[in-house]
Amino acid sequence: MGTLHRVVRRDRLAGRVLVIEREPGLAEPLRPDPLAELGLATVSGAGLGGQVFLREQTRLAAVPVLVPGAQVVVTPVVASVVQRVAHVAAVGAVACLYGDAGHGKTVALQYALSQLPEPVRVRRVHVGVNPSVPELRRVLAEALELKRLPHSTGAADLTLLEALRRPRVLVLDEAQRLPAAALEFLRQLWDHPDTDVALLFAGAGAERALRRVPALASRVLTWELVPRLSPAEVAPVMEAFHPLWGQVAPGDVAWVEEHVGHGNFRTWAKVTSHLTAEVYGQARPVVDRRLLERVSARLTGPL
């Protein structure tokens, strides 16, 4: 609650208000939208099988999908990530998005960021492995589009603090790479009374990295787990992800899940990529067990 009180008080003093946007042409919901208060532009009919259109912001890469014709599927987990990211961005808080590799953290985060209202200034901070604090200063300066940092440590920090006076959302993917000193430096920037920044940490093992810095972990507003797809989710999610899966027999989908997929979205995307390559140019593609066995073997070797 201390975090929220601090941010609300600061916003009131600055005279800032939350912007509420909706996609053009969308009807008003039948019941109050809890995300509207956070300034989130929602997508109508974005459940399983719903068409999703991404609105990218400046300097945000496209959602990483290996498959032409694929689309983001707003599962309950993705919807939860959207809500948490909107909340954290609105109040300038700290969040940690975690889960095993390949479960869809980056796609969910990227989609959530694309749904924030346009005035939100989102910047990705690309970190290397085990960066020093000076290296972190440099990548922060790049993310904030600062032409140069002063050579002295004190002056460089003052330059970063000045840049972070304007509301920002800093996204640090692969946060498990950050050592304790770098995380503590980010905590100090966020904690400074003159900055207005939300920190979004994401990565497989990000939660363990943050918990090694108790002062930062205690300031995390939300810990969001992205789990593997459940067996019941696989078929509807993949059919919404790519139209090819709508032609596959349920038993064959279950076979891929048992032998290859294991609820890992990245693996399913790879299988789908191989399938689209196999049927490219075919007027009426047939996806049968023999084809599925062949493309699955490319990921695992002979089954």
Protein backbone atom coordinates (compact mmCIF):
# COMPACT_ATOMS: atom_id res chain seq x y z
CA MET A 1 0.00 0.00 0.00
CA GLY A 2 2.93 2.33 0.59
CA THR A 3 3.76 2.14 -3.12
CA LEU A 4 0.22 3.06 -4.16
CA HIS A 5 -0.03 5.90 -1.66
CA ARG A 6 3.27 7.34 -2.82
CA VAL A 7 2.27 7.22 -6.48
CA VAL A 8 -1.25 8.58 -5.96
CA ARG A 9 0.04 11.46 -3.87
CA ARG A 10 2.70 12.26 -6.46
CA ASP A 11 0.19 12.13 -9.33
CA ARG A 12 -2.22 14.41 -7.53
CA LEU A 13 0.51 16.96 -6.91
CA ALA A 14 1.50 16.79 -10.59
CA GLY A 15 -2.10 17.10 -11.78
CA ARG A 16 -1.94 13.92 -13.84
CA VAL A 17 -4.99 11.89 -14.74
CA LEU A 18 -5.41 8.44 -16.27
CA VAL A 19 -6.38 8.34 -19.94
CA ILE A 20 -9.29 6.05 -20.89
CA GLU A 21 -9.31 4.81 -24.47
CA ARG A 22 -11.37 2.30 -26.45
CA GLU A 23 -10.85 0.73 -29.82
CA PRO A 24 -12.87 2.62 -32.45
CA GLY A 25 -16.20 1.04 -33.28
CA LEU A 26 -16.36 -1.21 -30.22
CA ALA A 27 -19.63 -1.29 -28.32
CA GLU A 28 -19.70 -0.38 -24.66
CA PRO A 29 -19.56 -3.44 -22.38
CA LEU A 30 -22.71 -4.57 -20.66
CA ARG A 31 -21.03 -4.25 -17.29
CA PRO A 32 -18.35 -1.85 -16.03
CA ASP A 33 -14.93 -2.67 -17.40
CA PRO A 34 -12.45 -2.90 -14.49
CA LEU A 35 -9.60 -2.15 -16.89
CA ALA A 36 -11.13 1.08 -18.18
CA GLU A 37 -10.07 2.89 -15.02
CA LEU A 38 -6.50 1.93 -15.80
CA GLY A 39 -6.62 3.46 -19.28
CA LEU A 40 -6.47 0.08 -21.02
CA ALA A 41 -7.70 -0.18 -24.60
CA THR A 42 -9.47 -3.52 -24.61
CA VAL A 43 -10.10 -5.83 -27.55
CA SER A 44 -13.62 -7.12 -28.16
CA GLY A 45 -14.14 -10.82 -28.63
CA ALA A 46 -10.56 -11.65 -27.75
CA GLY A 47 -11.24 -14.98 -26.09
CA LEU A 48 -10.25 -18.33 -27.52
CA GLY A 49 -10.81 -18.19 -31.25
CA GLY A 50 -11.23 -14.42 -31.29
CA GLN A 51 -9.34 -12.30 -33.79
CA VAL A 52 -6.74 -10.09 -32.15
CA PHE A 53 -5.22 -7.02 -33.74
CA LEU A 54 -2.06 -5.62 -32.22
CA ARG A 55 -1.42 -1.92 -31.93
CA GLU A 56 2.33 -1.53 -31.59
CA GLN A 57 3.94 1.38 -29.82
CA THR A 58 7.13 3.15 -30.80
CA ARG A 59 10.28 1.06 -30.35
CA LEU A 60 8.37 -2.13 -29.55
CA ALA A 61 9.19 -5.13 -31.70
CA ALA A 62 6.42 -7.24 -33.15
CA VAL A 63 5.14 -10.13 -31.10
CA PRO A 64 7.66 -12.93 -31.77
CA VAL A 65 5.77 -15.57 -33.74
CA LEU A 66 7.53 -18.09 -35.97
CA VAL A 67 4.44 -18.77 -38.07
CA PRO A 68 2.96 -16.71 -40.92
CA GLY A 69 -0.76 -16.28 -40.39
CA ALA A 70 -0.63 -16.95 -36.65
CA GLN A 71 -2.30 -14.67 -34.15
CA VAL A 72 -2.09 -13.97 -30.46
CA VAL A 73 -4.64 -15.97 -28.46
CA VAL A 74 -5.97 -14.24 -25.36
CA THR A 75 -6.14 -17.14 -22.95
CA PRO A 76 -7.12 -16.52 -19.32
CA VAL A 77 -3.41 -16.34 -18.50
CA VAL A 78 -2.75 -13.71 -21.20
CA ALA A 79 -5.80 -11.75 -20.06
CA SER A 80 -4.43 -11.78 -16.52
CA VAL A 81 -1.06 -10.51 -17.74
CA VAL A 82 -2.84 -7.71 -19.63
CA GLN A 83 -4.66 -6.64 -16.49
CA ARG A 84 -1.57 -6.78 -14.27
CA VAL A 85 0.59 -4.84 -16.74
CA ALA A 86 -2.11 -2.18 -17.07
CA HIS A 87 -2.31 -1.87 -13.30
CA VAL A 88 1.44 -1.62 -12.83
CA ALA A 89 1.83 0.92 -15.65
CA ALA A 90 -1.01 3.04 -14.29
CA VAL A 91 0.36 3.34 -10.77
CA GLY A 92 4.08 3.25 -11.54
CA ALA A 93 4.77 0.04 -9.64
CA VAL A 94 7.08 -2.98 -9.93
CA ALA A 95 6.00 -6.36 -11.33
CA CYS A 96 7.64 -9.71 -12.01
CA LEU A 97 6.45 -12.01 -14.81
CA TYR A 98 7.92 -15.48 -14.46
CA GLY A 99 7.55 -19.09 -15.61
CA ASP A 100 9.54 -21.77 -17.38
CA ALA A 101 11.07 -21.14 -20.79
CA GLY A 102 8.68 -21.40 -23.72
CA HIS A 103 5.44 -20.88 -21.81
CA GLY A 104 4.63 -17.62 -23.60
CA LYS A 105 5.83 -14.93 -21.20
CA THR A 106 7.31 -12.70 -23.90
CA VAL A 107 4.26 -12.97 -26.17
CA ALA A 108 1.89 -12.27 -23.27
CA LEU A 109 3.97 -9.32 -22.11
CA GLN A 110 4.31 -7.91 -25.61
CA TYR A 111 0.57 -8.18 -26.19
CA ALA A 112 -0.15 -6.53 -22.85
CA LEU A 113 2.18 -3.65 -23.70
CA SER A 114 0.52 -3.23 -27.10
CA GLN A 115 -2.80 -2.71 -25.33
CA LEU A 116 -1.62 0.17 -23.16
CA PRO A 117 -2.90 3.59 -24.24
CA GLU A 118 -0.63 5.45 -26.63
CA PRO A 119 0.57 8.15 -24.18
CA VAL A 120 2.31 5.50 -22.08
CA ARG A 121 6.04 5.67 -22.77
CA VAL A 122 7.29 2.06 -22.90
CA ARG A 123 10.98 1.35 -23.27
CA ARG A 124 12.72 -2.01 -23.45
CA VAL A 125 16.02 -2.28 -21.61
CA HIS A 126 18.16 -4.92 -23.34
CA VAL A 127 20.50 -6.41 -20.76
CA GLY A 128 23.38 -8.77 -21.32
CA VAL A 129 24.46 -11.58 -19.03
CA ASN A 130 25.51 -10.43 -15.56
CA PRO A 131 25.94 -6.75 -16.51
CA SER A 132 27.85 -4.41 -14.24
CA VAL A 133 26.18 -1.25 -12.96
CA PRO A 134 28.12 0.92 -15.50
CA GLU A 135 26.90 -1.39 -18.29
CA LEU A 136 23.35 -1.10 -16.97
CA ARG A 137 23.65 2.70 -16.96
CA ARG A 138 24.68 2.55 -20.61
CA VAL A 139 21.75 0.38 -21.74
CA LEU A 140 19.34 2.50 -19.72
CA ALA A 141 20.66 5.57 -21.51
CA GLU A 142 20.13 3.83 -24.86
CA ALA A 143 16.59 2.82 -23.92
CA LEU A 144 15.79 6.37 -22.82
CA GLU A 145 17.35 7.75 -26.03
CA LEU A 146 19.93 9.82 -24.20
CA LYS A 147 22.69 10.92 -26.52
CA ARG A 148 25.44 10.50 -23.95
CA LEU A 149 26.03 10.07 -20.26
CA PRO A 150 28.58 12.12 -18.31
CA HIS A 151 31.73 10.24 -17.40
CA SER A 152 31.40 10.76 -13.66
CA THR A 153 29.12 8.34 -11.82
CA GLY A 154 27.26 11.02 -9.92
CA ALA A 155 26.54 13.13 -12.98
CA ALA A 156 25.48 10.07 -14.98
CA ASP A 157 22.99 9.08 -12.29
CA LEU A 158 21.59 12.60 -12.18
CA THR A 159 21.09 12.46 -15.97
CA LEU A 160 19.17 9.20 -15.66
CA LEU A 161 17.08 10.55 -12.80
CA GLU A 162 16.20 13.62 -14.85
CA ALA A 163 15.12 11.45 -17.79
CA LEU A 164 12.95 9.36 -15.48
CA ARG A 165 11.02 12.36 -14.17
CA ARG A 166 8.57 11.81 -17.04
CA PRO A 167 6.30 8.76 -16.64
CA ARG A 168 7.96 5.67 -18.11
CA VAL A 169 7.47 1.92 -18.22
CA LEU A 170 10.82 0.13 -18.32
CA VAL A 171 10.66 -3.49 -19.50
CA LEU A 172 13.53 -5.79 -18.55
CA ASP A 173 13.11 -9.17 -20.22
CA GLU A 174 15.50 -11.98 -19.27
CA ALA A 175 15.72 -10.33 -15.87
CA GLN A 176 17.31 -13.47 -14.41
CA ARG A 177 20.53 -12.24 -16.03
CA LEU A 178 20.70 -9.25 -13.68
CA PRO A 179 23.03 -9.52 -10.68
CA ALA A 180 22.08 -8.18 -7.28
CA ALA A 181 24.04 -4.93 -7.72
CA ALA A 182 22.22 -4.09 -10.95
CA LEU A 183 18.83 -4.88 -9.42
CA GLU A 184 19.62 -2.73 -6.41
CA PHE A 185 20.58 0.13 -8.74
CA LEU A 186 17.20 -0.15 -10.50
CA ARG A 187 15.48 -0.21 -7.13
CA GLN A 188 17.21 3.02 -6.17
CA LEU A 189 16.16 4.71 -9.41
CA TRP A 190 12.56 3.59 -8.92
CA ASP A 191 12.56 4.61 -5.25
CA HIS A 192 13.89 8.13 -5.88
CA PRO A 193 11.20 10.72 -5.06
CA ASP A 194 11.77 12.57 -8.34
CA THR A 195 11.29 9.61 -10.70
CA ASP A 196 8.02 8.31 -12.16
CA VAL A 197 8.69 4.86 -13.55
CA ALA A 198 7.13 1.41 -13.60
CA LEU A 199 9.47 -1.59 -13.72
CA LEU A 200 8.40 -4.79 -15.49
CA PHE A 201 10.78 -7.69 -14.90
CA ALA A 202 10.24 -10.87 -16.93
CA GLY A 203 12.10 -14.11 -17.47
CA ALA A 204 12.48 -17.76 -16.56
CA GLY A 205 13.93 -17.48 -13.08
CA ALA A 206 13.27 -13.74 -12.77
CA GLU A 207 11.41 -14.30 -9.50
CA ARG A 208 14.47 -16.01 -7.98
CA ALA A 209 16.75 -13.17 -9.08
CA LEU A 210 14.50 -10.51 -7.55
CA ARG A 211 14.11 -12.41 -4.29
CA ARG A 212 17.87 -12.29 -3.86
CA VAL A 213 17.44 -8.52 -3.38
CA PRO A 214 14.94 -8.26 -0.50
CA ALA A 215 14.65 -4.48 -0.74
CA LEU A 216 13.45 -4.83 -4.34
CA ALA A 217 11.36 -7.98 -3.83
CA SER A 218 9.43 -6.26 -1.04
CA ARG A 219 8.44 -3.52 -3.50
CA VAL A 220 7.02 -5.88 -6.14
CA LEU A 221 3.32 -5.13 -6.45
CA THR A 222 2.47 -8.34 -8.31
CA TRP A 223 4.15 -11.66 -9.07
CA GLU A 224 2.57 -13.13 -12.21
CA LEU A 225 3.18 -16.77 -13.15
CA VAL A 226 2.80 -17.86 -16.79
CA PRO A 227 2.28 -21.65 -16.60
CA ARG A 228 2.28 -24.26 -19.35
CA LEU A 229 -0.92 -24.87 -21.30
CA SER A 230 -3.20 -27.37 -19.62
CA PRO A 231 -4.26 -30.44 -21.65
CA ALA A 232 -7.79 -29.03 -21.92
CA GLU A 233 -6.48 -25.71 -23.31
CA VAL A 234 -4.23 -27.08 -26.02
CA ALA A 235 -6.78 -27.86 -28.76
CA PRO A 236 -8.82 -24.61 -28.57
CA VAL A 237 -5.71 -22.46 -28.14
CA MET A 238 -3.93 -23.96 -31.13
CA GLU A 239 -7.03 -23.75 -33.32
CA ALA A 240 -7.24 -20.05 -32.48
CA PHE A 241 -3.48 -19.65 -32.93
CA HIS A 242 -3.47 -20.95 -36.52
CA PRO A 243 -6.27 -22.17 -38.84
CA LEU A 244 -4.36 -25.34 -39.78
CA TRP A 245 -5.14 -26.85 -36.37
CA GLY A 246 -8.85 -26.57 -37.05
CA GLN A 247 -8.45 -29.38 -39.60
CA VAL A 248 -6.62 -31.77 -37.26
CA ALA A 249 -8.47 -34.60 -35.54
CA PRO A 250 -8.68 -34.23 -31.74
CA GLY A 251 -6.84 -37.50 -31.26
CA ASP A 252 -3.95 -36.27 -33.38
CA VAL A 253 -3.75 -33.02 -31.42
CA ALA A 254 -3.63 -35.07 -28.23
CA TRP A 255 -0.86 -37.21 -29.74
CA VAL A 256 1.29 -34.13 -30.46
CA GLU A 257 0.71 -32.84 -26.94
CA GLU A 258 1.68 -36.16 -25.36
CA HIS A 259 4.78 -36.79 -27.47
CA VAL A 260 6.10 -33.30 -28.24
CA GLY A 261 4.08 -30.34 -26.99
CA HIS A 262 3.86 -30.93 -23.22
CA GLY A 263 1.98 -27.65 -22.82
CA ASN A 264 4.97 -25.62 -24.02
CA PHE A 265 3.69 -22.89 -26.32
CA ARG A 266 7.06 -22.33 -28.00
CA THR A 267 7.21 -26.00 -28.96
CA TRP A 268 3.69 -25.85 -30.39
CA ALA A 269 4.69 -22.76 -32.40
CA LYS A 270 7.65 -24.68 -33.85
CA VAL A 271 5.44 -27.61 -34.84
CA THR A 272 3.01 -25.16 -36.47
CA SER A 273 5.85 -23.49 -38.35
CA HIS A 274 6.94 -26.84 -39.79
CA LEU A 275 3.36 -27.66 -40.75
CA THR A 276 2.88 -24.40 -42.63
CA ALA A 277 6.10 -25.05 -44.53
CA GLU A 278 4.97 -28.57 -45.44
CA VAL A 279 1.57 -27.54 -46.83
CA TYR A 280 2.69 -24.28 -48.45
CA GLY A 281 1.06 -23.86 -51.84
CA GLN A 282 -1.44 -26.69 -51.38
CA ALA A 283 -5.01 -25.72 -52.21
CA ARG A 284 -6.49 -28.20 -49.74
CA PRO A 285 -3.82 -29.15 -47.22
CA VAL A 286 -4.31 -32.37 -45.25
CA VAL A 287 -2.72 -32.57 -41.83
CA ASP A 288 -2.78 -36.22 -40.76
CA ARG A 289 -0.91 -38.32 -38.21
CA ARG A 290 1.83 -39.24 -40.70
CA LEU A 291 2.60 -35.56 -41.36
CA LEU A 292 2.48 -34.73 -37.66
CA GLU A 293 4.90 -37.54 -36.87
CA ARG A 294 7.28 -36.32 -39.56
CA VAL A 295 7.36 -32.69 -38.40
CA SER A 296 7.49 -33.67 -34.72
CA ALA A 297 10.59 -35.77 -35.40
CA ARG A 298 12.39 -32.58 -36.48
CA LEU A 299 12.07 -31.29 -32.95
CA THR A 300 12.84 -34.47 -31.03
CA GLY A 301 14.53 -36.86 -33.43
CA PRO A 302 12.89 -40.17 -34.40
CA LEU A 303 9.98 -41.10 -32.14
